[in-house]
Amino acid sequence: MRRWGLCWIGIGLLLCLGLEAVYSPAKPDSSRQFHAMTDRLLPPAPLTPADVRWIDRMAESEFGMSTLVLMENAGRRCAEVLLEQDATPGRVVILCGKGNNGGDGLVMARHLDAAGVDVRVFTWWNVDSMSPDAATNAKILQLARIPFRCLDPASTVEHLALELSAAKWVVDGMLGIGGTGPPRSPISEALQCSADFPGRHFCIDWPSGVSCETGSACSPHPFRANVTCTLVGEKRHQHLAGEFFGKTVIADIGLPRALFRQFGSRV
């Protein structure tokens, strides 16, 4: 009798386990989830400035992607990365050049403003002298009444020192990977102010004052980021310039996988 009792207990346990397997939802495989999150097709090699221009051109001409869409995706992702690093970023000062790196900064400002962040944007060029996409986003900031000011180059140090005294973050959207040679005025003065700023530093794609040809400083005051949002993929010489990048996040800006496959066959 005792042996039969143990047998029935065993059968009961097996039935319970079987019912649990049938009626309980399967537990997710965490290793597969992690693999899926990180298994993205990235450029097969670090990108040069020429590679970046090729990718932008192909995205528009072969895949019908508006350059405004790419700028929107880049700027939005930069805003997200900053907020992921600091959920309460206080005042954020964004320094924008007249090219597409500056345009990314203008989009970033709009998304930070939408998230309730106190954001101030400064440039040294009027809207008409900016790249077309940057100019479009500058006009949006003006219409949205987001603080956006064109500084007099002669008073850059004075005005930026005052603005940065109340800021927690400064963002470099001045030159990006398209910059060549030592930065000239007024960017050189802005870099000096950034170097004196004791708060946090955020870089869009590539730090101003750092040569993309060598990975070394080409300015007495290169931008030294705590966090960098690198767009599309790693850049050539980025590993040599690590001291200027800080923590680096590679941002997906929505480029199709087929484009990267074409790029891979080209390399």
Protein backbone atom coordinates (compact mmCIF):
# COMPACT_ATOMS: atom_id res chain seq x y z
CA MET A 1 0.00 0.00 0.00
CA ARG A 2 2.80 2.37 0.87
CA ARG A 3 4.45 1.70 -2.50
CA TRP A 4 1.18 2.41 -4.33
CA GLY A 5 0.78 5.65 -2.36
CA LEU A 6 4.20 6.89 -3.44
CA CYS A 7 3.38 5.93 -7.01
CA TRP A 8 0.16 7.99 -7.01
CA ILE A 9 2.01 10.96 -5.51
CA GLY A 10 4.59 10.75 -8.31
CA ILE A 11 1.87 10.59 -10.97
CA GLY A 12 0.18 13.61 -9.40
CA LEU A 13 3.37 15.66 -9.51
CA LEU A 14 3.94 14.78 -13.16
CA LEU A 15 0.38 15.83 -14.03
CA CYS A 16 0.81 19.15 -12.21
CA LEU A 17 4.06 19.88 -14.03
CA GLY A 18 2.48 18.98 -17.35
CA LEU A 19 -0.50 21.27 -16.73
CA GLU A 20 1.84 24.11 -15.76
CA ALA A 21 3.77 23.62 -18.99
CA VAL A 22 0.52 23.72 -20.98
CA TYR A 23 -1.22 26.63 -19.26
CA SER A 24 1.69 28.80 -18.10
CA PRO A 25 3.19 31.25 -20.61
CA ALA A 26 6.72 30.39 -21.68
CA LYS A 27 9.42 32.41 -19.98
CA PRO A 28 11.35 34.61 -22.41
CA ASP A 29 14.83 33.48 -23.35
CA SER A 30 16.87 36.42 -22.07
CA SER A 31 19.94 35.46 -24.06
CA ARG A 32 17.95 35.50 -27.31
CA GLN A 33 16.33 38.83 -26.38
CA PHE A 34 19.72 40.41 -25.77
CA HIS A 35 21.02 39.01 -29.04
CA ALA A 36 18.05 40.43 -30.92
CA MET A 37 18.57 43.86 -29.39
CA THR A 38 22.21 44.00 -30.39
CA ASP A 39 22.14 42.08 -33.68
CA ARG A 40 22.02 45.11 -35.98
CA LEU A 41 23.73 45.40 -39.31
CA LEU A 42 26.26 48.20 -38.79
CA PRO A 43 28.78 49.53 -41.29
CA PRO A 44 31.48 46.86 -41.71
CA ALA A 45 34.34 49.28 -41.03
CA PRO A 46 34.89 52.60 -39.24
CA LEU A 47 33.57 55.44 -41.37
CA THR A 48 35.59 58.21 -43.00
CA PRO A 49 34.05 61.61 -43.85
CA ALA A 50 33.82 60.42 -47.48
CA ASP A 51 31.95 57.29 -46.34
CA VAL A 52 29.45 59.40 -44.42
CA ARG A 53 28.82 61.59 -47.47
CA TRP A 54 28.35 58.45 -49.62
CA ILE A 55 25.84 57.00 -47.15
CA ASP A 56 23.88 60.27 -47.01
CA ARG A 57 23.86 60.54 -50.79
CA MET A 58 22.75 56.92 -51.28
CA ALA A 59 20.04 57.21 -48.64
CA GLU A 60 18.53 60.08 -50.59
CA SER A 61 19.15 59.06 -54.21
CA GLU A 62 18.70 55.28 -54.05
CA PHE A 63 16.33 54.82 -51.11
CA GLY A 64 14.26 57.99 -51.36
CA MET A 65 15.02 59.13 -47.82
CA SER A 66 14.70 62.84 -47.18
CA THR A 67 17.80 64.38 -45.60
CA LEU A 68 15.41 66.20 -43.28
CA VAL A 69 14.18 62.81 -42.03
CA LEU A 70 17.76 61.70 -41.35
CA MET A 71 18.45 64.94 -39.46
CA GLU A 72 15.24 64.51 -37.49
CA ASN A 73 16.17 60.95 -36.52
CA ALA A 74 19.70 62.00 -35.54
CA GLY A 75 18.63 64.96 -33.42
CA ARG A 76 15.85 63.04 -31.71
CA ARG A 77 18.21 60.20 -30.83
CA CYS A 78 20.75 62.66 -29.41
CA ALA A 79 18.05 64.11 -27.15
CA GLU A 80 17.07 60.61 -26.03
CA VAL A 81 20.68 59.68 -25.24
CA LEU A 82 21.18 62.79 -23.11
CA LEU A 83 17.98 62.09 -21.18
CA GLU A 84 19.01 58.45 -20.74
CA GLN A 85 22.20 59.69 -19.08
CA ASP A 86 20.51 62.41 -17.01
CA ALA A 87 16.75 62.38 -16.46
CA THR A 88 16.88 65.86 -14.87
CA PRO A 89 19.42 67.71 -17.02
CA GLY A 90 18.65 71.22 -15.80
CA ARG A 91 19.55 73.88 -18.33
CA VAL A 92 21.13 72.62 -21.56
CA VAL A 93 23.11 74.99 -23.79
CA ILE A 94 23.52 73.79 -27.39
CA LEU A 95 26.20 75.35 -29.60
CA CYS A 96 25.35 74.98 -33.29
CA GLY A 97 27.38 75.46 -36.44
CA LYS A 98 25.84 76.31 -39.79
CA GLY A 99 26.06 72.81 -41.29
CA ASN A 100 24.25 69.54 -40.69
CA ASN A 101 25.95 68.91 -37.34
CA GLY A 102 24.41 72.17 -36.21
CA GLY A 103 21.11 71.06 -37.73
CA ASP A 104 21.22 67.91 -35.60
CA GLY A 105 21.69 70.18 -32.58
CA LEU A 106 18.66 72.28 -33.56
CA VAL A 107 16.48 69.15 -33.77
CA MET A 108 17.91 67.95 -30.47
CA ALA A 109 16.90 71.26 -28.88
CA ARG A 110 13.30 70.89 -30.07
CA HIS A 111 12.98 67.38 -28.65
CA LEU A 112 14.54 68.40 -25.34
CA ASP A 113 12.11 71.32 -25.16
CA ALA A 114 9.23 68.91 -25.85
CA ALA A 115 10.45 66.85 -22.88
CA GLY A 116 10.25 69.91 -20.64
CA VAL A 117 13.97 70.69 -20.55
CA ASP A 118 15.20 74.29 -20.24
CA VAL A 119 17.23 74.50 -23.46
CA ARG A 120 19.11 77.46 -25.00
CA VAL A 121 20.55 77.40 -28.52
CA PHE A 122 23.38 79.60 -29.80
CA THR A 123 24.90 80.01 -33.23
CA TRP A 124 26.93 82.65 -35.07
CA TRP A 125 25.21 82.47 -38.46
CA ASN A 126 21.90 83.85 -39.61
CA VAL A 127 19.38 81.37 -40.92
CA ASP A 128 19.98 82.23 -44.57
CA SER A 129 23.65 81.19 -44.37
CA MET A 130 22.94 77.75 -42.87
CA SER A 131 22.67 74.50 -44.81
CA PRO A 132 19.11 74.06 -46.16
CA ASP A 133 18.08 71.41 -43.62
CA ALA A 134 19.66 73.29 -40.71
CA ALA A 135 17.89 76.48 -41.84
CA THR A 136 14.55 74.66 -41.89
CA ASN A 137 15.04 73.50 -38.31
CA ALA A 138 16.24 76.93 -37.20
CA LYS A 139 12.99 78.43 -38.51
CA ILE A 140 11.01 75.79 -36.61
CA LEU A 141 12.76 76.80 -33.38
CA GLN A 142 11.97 80.45 -34.04
CA LEU A 143 8.30 79.71 -34.72
CA ALA A 144 8.13 77.52 -31.61
CA ARG A 145 9.71 80.34 -29.56
CA ILE A 146 12.46 78.07 -28.28
CA PRO A 147 15.36 80.28 -27.10
CA PHE A 148 17.59 80.61 -30.15
CA ARG A 149 20.15 83.37 -30.54
CA CYS A 150 22.71 84.39 -33.13
CA LEU A 151 25.75 85.70 -31.26
CA ASP A 152 28.11 88.45 -32.31
CA PRO A 153 31.50 86.70 -32.74
CA ALA A 154 33.22 89.60 -30.98
CA SER A 155 31.24 89.00 -27.77
CA THR A 156 31.18 85.18 -27.83
CA VAL A 157 33.27 84.66 -24.69
CA GLU A 158 31.31 87.20 -22.65
CA HIS A 159 27.87 85.91 -23.59
CA LEU A 160 28.65 82.21 -23.42
CA ALA A 161 30.37 82.53 -20.06
CA LEU A 162 27.18 84.12 -18.71
CA GLU A 163 24.88 81.50 -20.24
CA LEU A 164 27.01 78.56 -19.17
CA SER A 165 27.14 79.81 -15.58
CA ALA A 166 23.51 78.69 -15.19
CA ALA A 167 23.77 75.49 -17.26
CA LYS A 168 24.27 71.85 -16.32
CA TRP A 169 25.13 70.60 -19.84
CA VAL A 170 26.80 72.07 -22.90
CA VAL A 171 26.30 70.36 -26.26
CA ASP A 172 28.77 70.47 -29.15
CA GLY A 173 26.93 70.67 -32.46
CA MET A 174 29.46 72.97 -34.08
CA LEU A 175 31.54 71.05 -36.60
CA GLY A 176 31.11 67.28 -36.49
CA ILE A 177 33.07 64.96 -38.74
CA GLY A 178 32.97 67.50 -41.57
CA GLY A 179 35.34 69.88 -39.80
CA THR A 180 38.89 70.09 -41.16
CA GLY A 181 41.92 71.81 -39.68
CA PRO A 182 42.09 73.97 -36.55
CA PRO A 183 38.75 75.65 -35.73
CA ARG A 184 38.64 79.33 -36.54
CA SER A 185 36.81 82.16 -34.79
CA PRO A 186 34.12 82.12 -33.45
CA ILE A 187 34.26 78.32 -32.93
CA SER A 188 37.68 78.65 -31.29
CA GLU A 189 36.27 81.06 -28.69
CA ALA A 190 33.28 78.78 -28.10
CA LEU A 191 35.64 75.86 -27.48
CA GLN A 192 37.56 77.96 -24.98
CA CYS A 193 34.33 78.68 -23.09
CA SER A 194 33.39 75.00 -23.20
CA ALA A 195 36.79 74.04 -21.80
CA ASP A 196 36.26 76.42 -18.86
CA PHE A 197 32.75 75.10 -18.21
CA PRO A 198 32.75 72.84 -15.11
CA GLY A 199 29.50 71.04 -15.96
CA ARG A 200 28.73 68.10 -18.22
CA HIS A 201 29.72 67.97 -21.90
CA PHE A 202 27.72 66.20 -24.65
CA CYS A 203 28.98 65.76 -28.21
CA ILE A 204 27.02 65.14 -31.40
CA ASP A 205 28.90 62.61 -33.56
CA TRP A 206 32.48 63.97 -33.43
CA PRO A 207 34.07 66.51 -31.02
CA SER A 208 34.99 69.92 -32.41
CA GLY A 209 38.69 70.68 -32.16
CA VAL A 210 39.66 67.04 -32.78
CA SER A 211 41.02 66.06 -36.19
CA CYS A 212 39.00 63.33 -37.92
CA GLU A 213 42.11 62.63 -40.01
CA THR A 214 44.35 61.72 -37.05
CA GLY A 215 42.17 61.45 -33.94
CA SER A 216 44.35 64.02 -32.16
CA ALA A 217 43.55 67.53 -30.95
CA CYS A 218 43.81 70.30 -33.54
CA SER A 219 42.81 73.06 -31.12
CA PRO A 220 44.22 74.32 -27.81
CA HIS A 221 40.76 73.67 -26.36
CA PRO A 222 39.28 70.54 -27.97
CA PHE A 223 35.79 69.63 -26.85
CA ARG A 224 36.05 66.91 -24.20
CA ALA A 225 32.75 65.09 -23.93
CA ASN A 226 31.38 63.11 -21.04
CA VAL A 227 28.92 61.53 -23.48
CA THR A 228 29.03 61.30 -27.28
CA CYS A 229 26.18 60.22 -29.55
CA THR A 230 27.96 58.83 -32.60
CA LEU A 231 25.68 58.71 -35.63
CA VAL A 232 25.32 55.65 -37.90
CA GLY A 233 28.55 53.89 -36.90
CA GLU A 234 32.03 54.19 -35.45
CA LYS A 235 34.26 56.70 -37.18
CA ARG A 236 37.82 56.10 -38.32
CA HIS A 237 40.40 57.12 -35.67
CA GLN A 238 37.67 57.26 -33.03
CA HIS A 239 39.58 54.72 -30.94
CA LEU A 240 42.58 57.07 -30.97
CA ALA A 241 40.44 59.98 -29.78
CA GLY A 242 38.78 58.16 -26.89
CA GLU A 243 39.77 60.78 -24.31
CA PHE A 244 37.59 63.33 -26.15
CA PHE A 245 34.53 61.09 -26.59
CA GLY A 246 33.76 59.87 -23.08
CA LYS A 247 30.93 57.35 -22.96
CA THR A 248 29.91 56.67 -26.56
CA VAL A 249 26.51 55.57 -27.85
CA ILE A 250 26.23 54.59 -31.52
CA ALA A 251 22.88 55.91 -32.73
CA ASP A 252 20.64 54.22 -35.26
CA ILE A 253 19.08 56.93 -37.46
CA GLY A 254 16.81 54.62 -39.44
CA LEU A 255 18.99 53.78 -42.42
CA PRO A 256 17.89 50.61 -44.27
CA ARG A 257 19.89 47.41 -43.93
CA ALA A 258 20.12 47.17 -47.71
CA LEU A 259 22.12 50.39 -47.77
CA PHE A 260 24.69 48.93 -45.38
CA ARG A 261 24.92 45.81 -47.53
CA GLN A 262 25.69 48.01 -50.53
CA PHE A 263 28.25 49.89 -48.47
CA GLY A 264 29.83 46.60 -47.41
CA SER A 265 30.23 45.46 -51.00
CA ARG A 266 31.84 48.81 -51.81
CA VAL A 267 34.47 48.67 -49.04
